[in-house]
């Protein structure tokens, strides 16, 4: 007589079957079933770009660099660097995405023209 092997991807809490999820958010960090941070990084890049866009639209007349920098440090940067010890990006494309947010912020803070940069890219 052949015994049935247990199916490992079905989990129960009492008699209730728990649904399988591919991503979950805990303490503001998105984890995936493949243990990659892609979803989390895309989420924080989108959130940081939204807040940076909000600052650009709502504070166009601010001329002092120190004030713009303070606004960036208070509103945008906490979203970008929350729990970096956990999700530090390993892929170059994800690192470039985070750097892109910082470059946009630098251009806004220093009021640089679209093609003008203070450092070399690459």
PDB file of N, CA and C in Angstrom:
ATOM      1  N   UNK A   1       0.834  -1.173   0.000  1.00  0.00           N
ATOM      2  CA  UNK A   1       0.000   0.000   0.000  1.00  0.00           C
ATOM      3  C   UNK A   1       0.884   1.243   0.000  1.00  0.00           C
ATOM      4  N   UNK A   2       0.550   2.147  -0.862  1.00  0.00           N
ATOM      5  CA  UNK A   2       1.318   3.380  -1.024  1.00  0.00           C
ATOM      6  C   UNK A   2       0.767   4.478  -0.120  1.00  0.00           C
ATOM      7  N   UNK A   3       1.658   5.180   0.598  1.00  0.00           N
ATOM      8  CA  UNK A   3       1.198   6.266   1.476  1.00  0.00           C
ATOM      9  C   UNK A   3       1.214   7.571   0.706  1.00  0.00           C
ATOM     10  N   UNK A   4       0.289   8.429   1.051  1.00  0.00           N
ATOM     11  CA  UNK A   4       0.205   9.745   0.420  1.00  0.00           C
ATOM     12  C   UNK A   4       1.253  10.665   1.013  1.00  0.00           C
ATOM     13  N   UNK A   5       1.964  11.353   0.140  1.00  0.00           N
ATOM     14  CA  UNK A   5       2.948  12.332   0.601  1.00  0.00           C
ATOM     15  C   UNK A   5       2.231  13.652   0.864  1.00  0.00           C
ATOM     16  N   UNK A   6       2.604  14.346   1.914  1.00  0.00           N
ATOM     17  CA  UNK A   6       1.949  15.625   2.193  1.00  0.00           C
ATOM     18  C   UNK A   6       2.349  16.685   1.162  1.00  0.00           C
ATOM     19  N   UNK A   7       1.402  17.497   0.786  1.00  0.00           N
ATOM     20  CA  UNK A   7       1.671  18.604  -0.133  1.00  0.00           C
ATOM     21  C   UNK A   7       2.231  19.749   0.694  1.00  0.00           C
ATOM     22  N   UNK A   8       3.420  20.209   0.310  1.00  0.00           N
ATOM     23  CA  UNK A   8       4.124  21.189   1.136  1.00  0.00           C
ATOM     24  C   UNK A   8       3.640  22.620   0.949  1.00  0.00           C
ATOM     25  N   UNK A   9       2.920  22.911  -0.119  1.00  0.00           N
ATOM     26  CA  UNK A   9       2.510  24.291  -0.341  1.00  0.00           C
ATOM     27  C   UNK A   9       1.121  24.609   0.207  1.00  0.00           C
ATOM     28  N   UNK A  10       0.527  23.694   0.945  1.00  0.00           N
ATOM     29  CA  UNK A  10      -0.770  23.949   1.567  1.00  0.00           C
ATOM     30  C   UNK A  10      -0.568  24.063   3.072  1.00  0.00           C
ATOM     31  N   UNK A  11      -1.005  25.199   3.605  1.00  0.00           N
ATOM     32  CA  UNK A  11      -0.868  25.437   5.039  1.00  0.00           C
ATOM     33  C   UNK A  11      -2.242  25.693   5.631  1.00  0.00           C
ATOM     34  N   UNK A  12      -2.406  25.234   6.852  1.00  0.00           N
ATOM     35  CA  UNK A  12      -3.689  25.367   7.522  1.00  0.00           C
ATOM     36  C   UNK A  12      -3.507  26.033   8.872  1.00  0.00           C
ATOM     37  N   UNK A  13      -4.512  26.777   9.260  1.00  0.00           N
ATOM     38  CA  UNK A  13      -4.608  27.343  10.597  1.00  0.00           C
ATOM     39  C   UNK A  13      -5.869  26.735  11.191  1.00  0.00           C
ATOM     40  N   UNK A  14      -5.687  25.707  12.000  1.00  0.00           N
ATOM     41  CA  UNK A  14      -6.832  24.920  12.448  1.00  0.00           C
ATOM     42  C   UNK A  14      -7.340  24.133  11.253  1.00  0.00           C
ATOM     43  N   UNK A  15      -8.597  24.317  10.913  1.00  0.00           N
ATOM     44  CA  UNK A  15      -9.141  23.648   9.730  1.00  0.00           C
ATOM     45  C   UNK A  15      -9.239  24.595   8.531  1.00  0.00           C
ATOM     46  N   UNK A  16      -8.833  25.834   8.713  1.00  0.00           N
ATOM     47  CA  UNK A  16      -8.909  26.857   7.668  1.00  0.00           C
ATOM     48  C   UNK A  16      -7.641  26.842   6.812  1.00  0.00           C
ATOM     49  N   UNK A  17      -7.805  26.690   5.501  1.00  0.00           N
ATOM     50  CA  UNK A  17      -6.645  26.695   4.596  1.00  0.00           C
ATOM     51  C   UNK A  17      -6.197  28.132   4.365  1.00  0.00           C
ATOM     52  N   UNK A  18      -4.916  28.371   4.520  1.00  0.00           N
ATOM     53  CA  UNK A  18      -4.357  29.702   4.304  1.00  0.00           C
ATOM     54  C   UNK A  18      -4.042  29.894   2.824  1.00  0.00           C
ATOM     55  N   UNK A  19      -4.419  31.041   2.262  1.00  0.00           N
ATOM     56  CA  UNK A  19      -4.144  31.272   0.842  1.00  0.00           C
ATOM     57  C   UNK A  19      -2.652  31.528   0.607  1.00  0.00           C
ATOM     58  N   UNK A  20      -2.191  31.148  -0.554  1.00  0.00           N
ATOM     59  CA  UNK A  20      -0.791  31.369  -0.937  1.00  0.00           C
ATOM     60  C   UNK A  20      -0.661  32.808  -1.451  1.00  0.00           C
ATOM     61  N   UNK A  21       0.326  33.524  -0.955  1.00  0.00           N
ATOM     62  CA  UNK A  21       0.584  34.887  -1.419  1.00  0.00           C
ATOM     63  C   UNK A  21       1.992  34.950  -1.992  1.00  0.00           C
ATOM     64  N   UNK A  22       2.171  35.824  -2.954  1.00  0.00           N
ATOM     65  CA  UNK A  22       3.473  35.980  -3.585  1.00  0.00           C
ATOM     66  C   UNK A  22       4.237  37.164  -3.023  1.00  0.00           C
ATOM     67  N   UNK A  23       3.502  38.107  -2.445  1.00  0.00           N
ATOM     68  CA  UNK A  23       4.134  39.264  -1.808  1.00  0.00           C
ATOM     69  C   UNK A  23       3.367  39.604  -0.545  1.00  0.00           C
ATOM     70  N   UNK A  24       4.121  40.125   0.417  1.00  0.00           N
ATOM     71  CA  UNK A  24       3.492  40.557   1.649  1.00  0.00           C
ATOM     72  C   UNK A  24       4.218  41.759   2.210  1.00  0.00           C
ATOM     73  N   UNK A  25       3.492  42.602   2.909  1.00  0.00           N
ATOM     74  CA  UNK A  25       4.080  43.807   3.474  1.00  0.00           C
ATOM     75  C   UNK A  25       4.035  43.708   4.989  1.00  0.00           C
ATOM     76  N   UNK A  26       5.186  43.863   5.615  1.00  0.00           N
ATOM     77  CA  UNK A  26       5.275  43.804   7.062  1.00  0.00           C
ATOM     78  C   UNK A  26       6.222  44.908   7.521  1.00  0.00           C
ATOM     79  N   UNK A  27       5.744  45.750   8.431  1.00  0.00           N
ATOM     80  CA  UNK A  27       6.517  46.890   8.926  1.00  0.00           C
ATOM     81  C   UNK A  27       6.992  47.798   7.796  1.00  0.00           C
ATOM     82  N   UNK A  28       6.210  47.893   6.731  1.00  0.00           N
ATOM     83  CA  UNK A  28       6.533  48.776   5.616  1.00  0.00           C
ATOM     84  C   UNK A  28       7.511  48.203   4.614  1.00  0.00           C
ATOM     85  N   UNK A  29       7.895  46.941   4.765  1.00  0.00           N
ATOM     86  CA  UNK A  29       8.842  46.320   3.846  1.00  0.00           C
ATOM     87  C   UNK A  29       8.115  45.217   3.088  1.00  0.00           C
ATOM     88  N   UNK A  30       8.179  45.287   1.752  1.00  0.00           N
ATOM     89  CA  UNK A  30       7.525  44.287   0.909  1.00  0.00           C
ATOM     90  C   UNK A  30       8.501  43.134   0.679  1.00  0.00           C
ATOM     91  N   UNK A  31       8.080  41.942   1.039  1.00  0.00           N
ATOM     92  CA  UNK A  31       8.899  40.759   0.782  1.00  0.00           C
ATOM     93  C   UNK A  31       8.157  39.868  -0.208  1.00  0.00           C
ATOM     94  N   UNK A  32       8.917  39.150  -1.011  1.00  0.00           N
ATOM     95  CA  UNK A  32       8.302  38.271  -1.999  1.00  0.00           C
ATOM     96  C   UNK A  32       8.617  36.821  -1.660  1.00  0.00           C
ATOM     97  N   UNK A  33       7.894  35.926  -2.305  1.00  0.00           N
ATOM     98  CA  UNK A  33       8.131  34.503  -2.061  1.00  0.00           C
ATOM     99  C   UNK A  33       9.460  34.037  -2.649  1.00  0.00           C
ATOM    100  N   UNK A  34      10.063  34.844  -3.528  1.00  0.00           N
ATOM    101  CA  UNK A  34      11.370  34.509  -4.101  1.00  0.00           C
ATOM    102  C   UNK A  34      12.515  35.193  -3.347  1.00  0.00           C
ATOM    103  N   UNK A  35      12.168  35.899  -2.286  1.00  0.00           N
ATOM    104  CA  UNK A  35      13.132  36.613  -1.446  1.00  0.00           C
ATOM    105  C   UNK A  35      13.955  37.641  -2.229  1.00  0.00           C
ATOM    106  N   UNK A  36      13.288  38.355  -3.137  1.00  0.00           N
ATOM    107  CA  UNK A  36      13.923  39.464  -3.840  1.00  0.00           C
ATOM    108  C   UNK A  36      13.283  40.754  -3.360  1.00  0.00           C
ATOM    109  N   UNK A  37      13.976  41.842  -3.548  1.00  0.00           N
ATOM    110  CA  UNK A  37      13.500  43.142  -3.062  1.00  0.00           C
ATOM    111  C   UNK A  37      13.003  44.027  -4.195  1.00  0.00           C
ATOM    112  N   UNK A  38      12.828  43.472  -5.385  1.00  0.00           N
ATOM    113  CA  UNK A  38      12.421  44.269  -6.541  1.00  0.00           C
ATOM    114  C   UNK A  38      11.124  45.034  -6.281  1.00  0.00           C
ATOM    115  N   UNK A  39      10.110  44.356  -5.805  1.00  0.00           N
ATOM    116  CA  UNK A  39       8.811  44.999  -5.562  1.00  0.00           C
ATOM    117  C   UNK A  39       8.930  46.111  -4.539  1.00  0.00           C
ATOM    118  N   UNK A  40       9.688  45.867  -3.491  1.00  0.00           N
ATOM    119  CA  UNK A  40       9.865  46.880  -2.451  1.00  0.00           C
ATOM    120  C   UNK A  40      10.572  48.105  -3.013  1.00  0.00           C
ATOM    121  N   UNK A  41      11.624  47.887  -3.773  1.00  0.00           N
ATOM    122  CA  UNK A  41      12.378  49.012  -4.324  1.00  0.00           C
ATOM    123  C   UNK A  41      11.568  49.808  -5.329  1.00  0.00           C
ATOM    124  N   UNK A  42      10.790  49.125  -6.156  1.00  0.00           N
ATOM    125  CA  UNK A  42       9.935  49.848  -7.099  1.00  0.00           C
ATOM    126  C   UNK A  42       8.887  50.671  -6.349  1.00  0.00           C
ATOM    127  N   UNK A  43       8.384  50.129  -5.266  1.00  0.00           N
ATOM    128  CA  UNK A  43       7.399  50.844  -4.459  1.00  0.00           C
ATOM    129  C   UNK A  43       8.003  52.090  -3.816  1.00  0.00           C
ATOM    130  N   UNK A  44       9.197  51.964  -3.223  1.00  0.00           N
ATOM    131  CA  UNK A  44       9.772  53.137  -2.559  1.00  0.00           C
ATOM    132  C   UNK A  44      10.272  54.165  -3.566  1.00  0.00           C
ATOM    133  N   UNK A  45      10.736  53.720  -4.740  1.00  0.00           N
ATOM    134  CA  UNK A  45      11.140  54.686  -5.761  1.00  0.00           C
ATOM    135  C   UNK A  45       9.928  55.477  -6.247  1.00  0.00           C
ATOM    136  N   UNK A  46       8.809  54.807  -6.436  1.00  0.00           N
ATOM    137  CA  UNK A  46       7.591  55.487  -6.865  1.00  0.00           C
ATOM    138  C   UNK A  46       7.115  56.469  -5.798  1.00  0.00           C
ATOM    139  N   UNK A  47       7.166  56.037  -4.542  1.00  0.00           N
ATOM    140  CA  UNK A  47       6.728  56.906  -3.453  1.00  0.00           C
ATOM    141  C   UNK A  47       7.638  58.132  -3.324  1.00  0.00           C
ATOM    142  N   UNK A  48       8.945  57.923  -3.422  1.00  0.00           N
ATOM    143  CA  UNK A  48       9.889  59.035  -3.320  1.00  0.00           C
ATOM    144  C   UNK A  48       9.711  60.004  -4.481  1.00  0.00           C
ATOM    145  N   UNK A  49       9.495  59.484  -5.690  1.00  0.00           N
ATOM    146  CA  UNK A  49       9.274  60.358  -6.847  1.00  0.00           C
ATOM    147  C   UNK A  49       7.981  61.156  -6.705  1.00  0.00           C
ATOM    148  N   UNK A  50       6.944  60.547  -6.110  1.00  0.00           N
ATOM    149  CA  UNK A  50       5.693  61.272  -5.874  1.00  0.00           C
ATOM    150  C   UNK A  50       5.909  62.424  -4.916  1.00  0.00           C
ATOM    151  N   UNK A  51       6.622  62.162  -3.816  1.00  0.00           N
ATOM    152  CA  UNK A  51       6.857  63.228  -2.841  1.00  0.00           C
ATOM    153  C   UNK A  51       7.767  64.312  -3.410  1.00  0.00           C
ATOM    154  N   UNK A  52       8.753  63.921  -4.200  1.00  0.00           N
ATOM    155  CA  UNK A  52       9.624  64.911  -4.826  1.00  0.00           C
ATOM    156  C   UNK A  52       8.835  65.756  -5.822  1.00  0.00           C
ATOM    157  N   UNK A  53       7.952  65.134  -6.584  1.00  0.00           N
ATOM    158  CA  UNK A  53       7.081  65.874  -7.493  1.00  0.00           C
ATOM    159  C   UNK A  53       6.165  66.828  -6.742  1.00  0.00           C
ATOM    160  N   UNK A  54       5.664  66.390  -5.594  1.00  0.00           N
ATOM    161  CA  UNK A  54       4.834  67.255  -4.764  1.00  0.00           C
ATOM    162  C   UNK A  54       5.614  68.482  -4.318  1.00  0.00           C
ATOM    163  N   UNK A  55       6.858  68.276  -3.889  1.00  0.00           N
ATOM    164  CA  UNK A  55       7.691  69.414  -3.488  1.00  0.00           C
ATOM    165  C   UNK A  55       7.944  70.365  -4.661  1.00  0.00           C
ATOM    166  N   UNK A  56       8.211  69.804  -5.827  1.00  0.00           N
ATOM    167  CA  UNK A  56       8.463  70.639  -7.009  1.00  0.00           C
ATOM    168  C   UNK A  56       7.246  71.482  -7.358  1.00  0.00           C
ATOM    169  N   UNK A  57       6.062  70.876  -7.285  1.00  0.00           N
ATOM    170  CA  UNK A  57       4.844  71.607  -7.640  1.00  0.00           C
ATOM    171  C   UNK A  57       4.432  72.617  -6.581  1.00  0.00           C
ATOM    172  N   UNK A  58       4.616  72.278  -5.316  1.00  0.00           N
ATOM    173  CA  UNK A  58       4.101  73.144  -4.252  1.00  0.00           C
ATOM    174  C   UNK A  58       5.094  74.203  -3.786  1.00  0.00           C
ATOM    175  N   UNK A  59       6.361  74.048  -4.119  1.00  0.00           N
ATOM    176  CA  UNK A  59       7.372  75.013  -3.652  1.00  0.00           C
ATOM    177  C   UNK A  59       8.236  75.542  -4.800  1.00  0.00           C
ATOM    178  N   UNK A  60       7.642  76.006  -5.887  1.00  0.00           N
ATOM    179  CA  UNK A  60       8.477  76.446  -7.010  1.00  0.00           C
ATOM    180  C   UNK A  60       9.209  77.761  -6.747  1.00  0.00           C
ATOM    181  N   UNK A  61       8.727  78.537  -5.795  1.00  0.00           N
ATOM    182  CA  UNK A  61       9.321  79.853  -5.561  1.00  0.00           C
ATOM    183  C   UNK A  61      10.401  79.854  -4.479  1.00  0.00           C
ATOM    184  N   UNK A  62      10.658  78.725  -3.866  1.00  0.00           N
ATOM    185  CA  UNK A  62      11.725  78.661  -2.873  1.00  0.00           C
ATOM    186  C   UNK A  62      13.069  78.793  -3.571  1.00  0.00           C
ATOM    187  N   UNK A  63      13.868  79.753  -3.125  1.00  0.00           N
ATOM    188  CA  UNK A  63      15.156  79.980  -3.783  1.00  0.00           C
ATOM    189  C   UNK A  63      16.337  79.534  -2.934  1.00  0.00           C
ATOM    190  N   UNK A  64      16.145  79.407  -1.642  1.00  0.00           N
ATOM    191  CA  UNK A  64      17.263  79.042  -0.768  1.00  0.00           C
ATOM    192  C   UNK A  64      17.534  77.543  -0.830  1.00  0.00           C
ATOM    193  N   UNK A  65      18.790  77.223  -1.112  1.00  0.00           N
ATOM    194  CA  UNK A  65      19.213  75.834  -1.216  1.00  0.00           C
ATOM    195  C   UNK A  65      19.026  75.108   0.111  1.00  0.00           C
ATOM    196  N   UNK A  66      19.317  75.777   1.211  1.00  0.00           N
ATOM    197  CA  UNK A  66      19.210  75.146   2.531  1.00  0.00           C
ATOM    198  C   UNK A  66      17.774  74.731   2.839  1.00  0.00           C
ATOM    199  N   UNK A  67      16.815  75.551   2.429  1.00  0.00           N
ATOM    200  CA  UNK A  67      15.405  75.231   2.680  1.00  0.00           C
ATOM    201  C   UNK A  67      14.973  74.047   1.814  1.00  0.00           C
ATOM    202  N   UNK A  68      15.357  74.068   0.540  1.00  0.00           N
ATOM    203  CA  UNK A  68      15.026  72.953  -0.351  1.00  0.00           C
ATOM    204  C   UNK A  68      15.646  71.654   0.157  1.00  0.00           C
ATOM    205  N   UNK A  69      16.898  71.734   0.594  1.00  0.00           N
ATOM    206  CA  UNK A  69      17.589  70.553   1.113  1.00  0.00           C
ATOM    207  C   UNK A  69      16.873  70.023   2.360  1.00  0.00           C
ATOM    208  N   UNK A  70      16.480  70.930   3.245  1.00  0.00           N
ATOM    209  CA  UNK A  70      15.773  70.519   4.461  1.00  0.00           C
ATOM    210  C   UNK A  70      14.451  69.828   4.136  1.00  0.00           C
ATOM    211  N   UNK A  71      13.740  70.358   3.150  1.00  0.00           N
ATOM    212  CA  UNK A  71      12.485  69.728   2.737  1.00  0.00           C
ATOM    213  C   UNK A  71      12.731  68.329   2.178  1.00  0.00           C
ATOM    214  N   UNK A  72      13.773  68.182   1.362  1.00  0.00           N
ATOM    215  CA  UNK A  72      14.107  66.858   0.822  1.00  0.00           C
ATOM    216  C   UNK A  72      14.452  65.894   1.951  1.00  0.00           C
ATOM    217  N   UNK A  73      15.291  66.350   2.883  1.00  0.00           N
ATOM    218  CA  UNK A  73      15.720  65.476   3.977  1.00  0.00           C
ATOM    219  C   UNK A  73      14.561  65.089   4.892  1.00  0.00           C
ATOM    220  N   UNK A  74      13.581  65.970   5.029  1.00  0.00           N
ATOM    221  CA  UNK A  74      12.458  65.694   5.925  1.00  0.00           C
ATOM    222  C   UNK A  74      11.338  64.891   5.265  1.00  0.00           C
ATOM    223  N   UNK A  75      11.134  65.090   3.958  1.00  0.00           N
ATOM    224  CA  UNK A  75       9.961  64.502   3.323  1.00  0.00           C
ATOM    225  C   UNK A  75      10.287  63.322   2.403  1.00  0.00           C
ATOM    226  N   UNK A  76      11.339  63.416   1.628  1.00  0.00           N
ATOM    227  CA  UNK A  76      11.624  62.386   0.621  1.00  0.00           C
ATOM    228  C   UNK A  76      12.597  61.326   1.131  1.00  0.00           C
ATOM    229  N   UNK A  77      13.709  61.745   1.685  1.00  0.00           N
ATOM    230  CA  UNK A  77      14.773  60.806   2.053  1.00  0.00           C
ATOM    231  C   UNK A  77      14.340  59.721   3.042  1.00  0.00           C
ATOM    232  N   UNK A  78      13.499  60.002   4.021  1.00  0.00           N
ATOM    233  CA  UNK A  78      13.081  58.913   4.925  1.00  0.00           C
ATOM    234  C   UNK A  78      12.395  57.761   4.199  1.00  0.00           C
ATOM    235  N   UNK A  79      11.669  58.052   3.123  1.00  0.00           N
ATOM    236  CA  UNK A  79      11.011  56.988   2.364  1.00  0.00           C
ATOM    237  C   UNK A  79      12.026  56.148   1.596  1.00  0.00           C
ATOM    238  N   UNK A  80      13.071  56.807   1.097  1.00  0.00           N
ATOM    239  CA  UNK A  80      14.082  56.095   0.308  1.00  0.00           C
ATOM    240  C   UNK A  80      14.945  55.203   1.185  1.00  0.00           C
ATOM    241  N   UNK A  81      15.299  55.663   2.357  1.00  0.00           N
ATOM    242  CA  UNK A  81      16.281  54.950   3.158  1.00  0.00           C
ATOM    243  C   UNK A  81      15.702  54.199   4.357  1.00  0.00           C
ATOM    244  N   UNK A  82      14.396  54.021   4.398  1.00  0.00           N
ATOM    245  CA  UNK A  82      13.788  53.269   5.481  1.00  0.00           C
ATOM    246  C   UNK A  82      14.198  51.801   5.389  1.00  0.00           C
ATOM    247  N   UNK A  83      14.798  51.275   6.419  1.00  0.00           N
ATOM    248  CA  UNK A  83      15.198  49.870   6.553  1.00  0.00           C
ATOM    249  C   UNK A  83      16.151  49.404   5.466  1.00  0.00           C
ATOM    250  N   UNK A  84      17.076  50.253   5.050  1.00  0.00           N
ATOM    251  CA  UNK A  84      18.037  49.858   4.010  1.00  0.00           C
ATOM    252  C   UNK A  84      18.914  48.704   4.457  1.00  0.00           C
ATOM    253  N   UNK A  85      19.071  48.520   5.743  1.00  0.00           N
ATOM    254  CA  UNK A  85      19.870  47.405   6.251  1.00  0.00           C
ATOM    255  C   UNK A  85      19.255  46.073   5.837  1.00  0.00           C
ATOM    256  N   UNK A  86      17.958  46.056   5.655  1.00  0.00           N
ATOM    257  CA  UNK A  86      17.254  44.832   5.308  1.00  0.00           C
ATOM    258  C   UNK A  86      17.263  44.591   3.801  1.00  0.00           C
ATOM    259  N   UNK A  87      16.932  45.618   3.015  1.00  0.00           N
ATOM    260  CA  UNK A  87      16.686  45.413   1.588  1.00  0.00           C
ATOM    261  C   UNK A  87      17.794  45.906   0.672  1.00  0.00           C
ATOM    262  N   UNK A  88      18.943  46.206   1.146  1.00  0.00           N
ATOM    263  CA  UNK A  88      20.022  46.751   0.321  1.00  0.00           C
ATOM    264  C   UNK A  88      20.050  46.099  -1.070  1.00  0.00           C
ATOM    265  N   UNK A  89      19.907  46.904  -2.139  1.00  0.00           N
ATOM    266  CA  UNK A  89      19.764  46.319  -3.475  1.00  0.00           C
ATOM    267  C   UNK A  89      21.049  45.650  -3.964  1.00  0.00           C
ATOM    268  N   UNK A  90      20.900  44.499  -4.564  1.00  0.00           N
ATOM    269  CA  UNK A  90      22.042  43.762  -5.089  1.00  0.00           C
ATOM    270  C   UNK A  90      22.201  43.975  -6.591  1.00  0.00           C
ATOM    271  N   UNK A  91      21.097  44.226  -7.270  1.00  0.00           N
ATOM    272  CA  UNK A  91      21.151  44.399  -8.716  1.00  0.00           C
ATOM    273  C   UNK A  91      21.527  45.828  -9.084  1.00  0.00           C
ATOM    274  N   UNK A  92      22.330  45.957 -10.120  1.00  0.00           N
ATOM    275  CA  UNK A  92      22.783  47.277 -10.559  1.00  0.00           C
ATOM    276  C   UNK A  92      21.611  48.153 -11.008  1.00  0.00           C
ATOM    277  N   UNK A  93      20.616  47.545 -11.656  1.00  0.00           N
ATOM    278  CA  UNK A  93      19.469  48.317 -12.140  1.00  0.00           C
ATOM    279  C   UNK A  93      18.685  48.934 -10.984  1.00  0.00           C
ATOM    280  N   UNK A  94      18.579  48.212  -9.868  1.00  0.00           N
ATOM    281  CA  UNK A  94      17.861  48.753  -8.714  1.00  0.00           C
ATOM    282  C   UNK A  94      18.660  49.866  -8.043  1.00  0.00           C
ATOM    283  N   UNK A  95      19.979  49.705  -7.990  1.00  0.00           N
ATOM    284  CA  UNK A  95      20.828  50.763  -7.440  1.00  0.00           C
ATOM    285  C   UNK A  95      20.701  52.031  -8.270  1.00  0.00           C
ATOM    286  N   UNK A  96      20.675  51.865  -9.591  1.00  0.00           N
ATOM    287  CA  UNK A  96      20.546  53.020 -10.478  1.00  0.00           C
ATOM    288  C   UNK A  96      19.198  53.712 -10.288  1.00  0.00           C
ATOM    289  N   UNK A  97      18.155  52.940 -10.017  1.00  0.00           N
ATOM    290  CA  UNK A  97      16.838  53.528  -9.766  1.00  0.00           C
ATOM    291  C   UNK A  97      16.837  54.405  -8.528  1.00  0.00           C
ATOM    292  N   UNK A  98      17.477  53.937  -7.463  1.00  0.00           N
ATOM    293  CA  UNK A  98      17.582  54.733  -6.236  1.00  0.00           C
ATOM    294  C   UNK A  98      18.426  55.986  -6.498  1.00  0.00           C
ATOM    295  N   UNK A  99      19.519  55.815  -7.235  1.00  0.00           N
ATOM    296  CA  UNK A  99      20.378  56.960  -7.553  1.00  0.00           C
ATOM    297  C   UNK A  99      19.647  57.980  -8.414  1.00  0.00           C
ATOM    298  N   UNK A 100      18.758  57.518  -9.278  1.00  0.00           N
ATOM    299  CA  UNK A 100      17.989  58.423 -10.125  1.00  0.00           C
ATOM    300  C   UNK A 100      17.110  59.352  -9.288  1.00  0.00           C
ATOM    301  N   UNK A 101      16.510  58.818  -8.251  1.00  0.00           N
ATOM    302  CA  UNK A 101      15.706  59.645  -7.348  1.00  0.00           C
ATOM    303  C   UNK A 101      16.596  60.705  -6.706  1.00  0.00           C
ATOM    304  N   UNK A 102      17.775  60.304  -6.261  1.00  0.00           N
ATOM    305  CA  UNK A 102      18.683  61.242  -5.620  1.00  0.00           C
ATOM    306  C   UNK A 102      19.185  62.309  -6.606  1.00  0.00           C
ATOM    307  N   UNK A 103      19.410  61.913  -7.857  1.00  0.00           N
ATOM    308  CA  UNK A 103      19.840  62.890  -8.871  1.00  0.00           C
ATOM    309  C   UNK A 103      18.745  63.910  -9.148  1.00  0.00           C
ATOM    310  N   UNK A 104      17.502  63.431  -9.238  1.00  0.00           N
ATOM    311  CA  UNK A 104      16.380  64.366  -9.439  1.00  0.00           C
ATOM    312  C   UNK A 104      16.290  65.344  -8.281  1.00  0.00           C
ATOM    313  N   UNK A 105      16.480  64.842  -7.074  1.00  0.00           N
ATOM    314  CA  UNK A 105      16.428  65.710  -5.894  1.00  0.00           C
ATOM    315  C   UNK A 105      17.572  66.719  -5.913  1.00  0.00           C
ATOM    316  N   UNK A 106      18.762  66.276  -6.303  1.00  0.00           N
ATOM    317  CA  UNK A 106      19.915  67.181  -6.372  1.00  0.00           C
ATOM    318  C   UNK A 106      19.658  68.296  -7.370  1.00  0.00           C
ATOM    319  N   UNK A 107      19.106  67.942  -8.546  1.00  0.00           N
ATOM    320  CA  UNK A 107      18.803  68.971  -9.547  1.00  0.00           C
ATOM    321  C   UNK A 107      17.773  69.958  -9.019  1.00  0.00           C
ATOM    322  N   UNK A 108      16.770  69.467  -8.275  1.00  0.00           N
ATOM    323  CA  UNK A 108      15.751  70.364  -7.741  1.00  0.00           C
ATOM    324  C   UNK A 108      16.325  71.241  -6.633  1.00  0.00           C
ATOM    325  N   UNK A 109      17.103  70.661  -5.753  1.00  0.00           N
ATOM    326  CA  UNK A 109      17.661  71.421  -4.629  1.00  0.00           C
ATOM    327  C   UNK A 109      18.567  72.537  -5.130  1.00  0.00           C
ATOM    328  N   UNK A 110      19.443  72.223  -6.070  1.00  0.00           N
ATOM    329  CA  UNK A 110      20.429  73.203  -6.561  1.00  0.00           C
ATOM    330  C   UNK A 110      19.933  74.012  -7.745  1.00  0.00           C
ATOM    331  N   UNK A 111      18.699  73.748  -8.194  1.00  0.00           N
ATOM    332  CA  UNK A 111      18.084  74.449  -9.329  1.00  0.00           C
ATOM    333  C   UNK A 111      18.944  74.342 -10.582  1.00  0.00           C
ATOM    334  N   UNK A 112      19.380  73.135 -10.881  1.00  0.00           N
ATOM    335  CA  UNK A 112      20.201  72.892 -12.063  1.00  0.00           C
ATOM    336  C   UNK A 112      19.312  72.711 -13.282  1.00  0.00           C
ATOM    337  N   UNK A 113      19.858  73.010 -14.427  1.00  0.00           N
ATOM    338  CA  UNK A 113      19.151  72.804 -15.691  1.00  0.00           C
ATOM    339  C   UNK A 113      19.092  71.301 -15.983  1.00  0.00           C
ATOM    340  N   UNK A 114      18.167  70.849 -16.835  1.00  0.00           N
ATOM    341  CA  UNK A 114      18.016  69.411 -17.091  1.00  0.00           C
ATOM    342  C   UNK A 114      19.293  68.685 -17.505  1.00  0.00           C
ATOM    343  N   UNK A 115      20.165  69.272 -18.299  1.00  0.00           N
ATOM    344  CA  UNK A 115      21.389  68.576 -18.717  1.00  0.00           C
ATOM    345  C   UNK A 115      22.583  68.817 -17.814  1.00  0.00           C
ATOM    346  N   UNK A 116      22.460  69.719 -16.889  1.00  0.00           N
ATOM    347  CA  UNK A 116      23.582  70.145 -16.041  1.00  0.00           C
ATOM    348  C   UNK A 116      23.686  69.260 -14.798  1.00  0.00           C
ATOM    349  N   UNK A 117      24.890  68.736 -14.542  1.00  0.00           N
ATOM    350  CA  UNK A 117      25.131  67.926 -13.358  1.00  0.00           C
ATOM    351  C   UNK A 117      26.450  68.335 -12.731  1.00  0.00           C
ATOM    352  N   UNK A 118      26.599  68.070 -11.430  1.00  0.00           N
ATOM    353  CA  UNK A 118      27.822  68.403 -10.721  1.00  0.00           C
ATOM    354  C   UNK A 118      28.822  67.252 -10.679  1.00  0.00           C
ATOM    355  N   UNK A 119      28.379  66.061 -11.076  1.00  0.00           N
ATOM    356  CA  UNK A 119      29.244  64.885 -11.017  1.00  0.00           C
ATOM    357  C   UNK A 119      29.030  64.056 -12.273  1.00  0.00           C
ATOM    358  N   UNK A 120      29.977  63.167 -12.518  1.00  0.00           N
ATOM    359  CA  UNK A 120      29.878  62.319 -13.701  1.00  0.00           C
ATOM    360  C   UNK A 120      28.925  61.165 -13.441  1.00  0.00           C
ATOM    361  N   UNK A 121      28.109  60.854 -14.428  1.00  0.00           N
ATOM    362  CA  UNK A 121      27.201  59.713 -14.314  1.00  0.00           C
ATOM    363  C   UNK A 121      27.884  58.482 -14.875  1.00  0.00           C
ATOM    364  N   UNK A 122      27.576  57.329 -14.288  1.00  0.00           N
ATOM    365  CA  UNK A 122      28.110  56.091 -14.830  1.00  0.00           C
ATOM    366  C   UNK A 122      29.031  55.468 -13.911  1.00  0.00           C
TER     367      UNK A 122
END
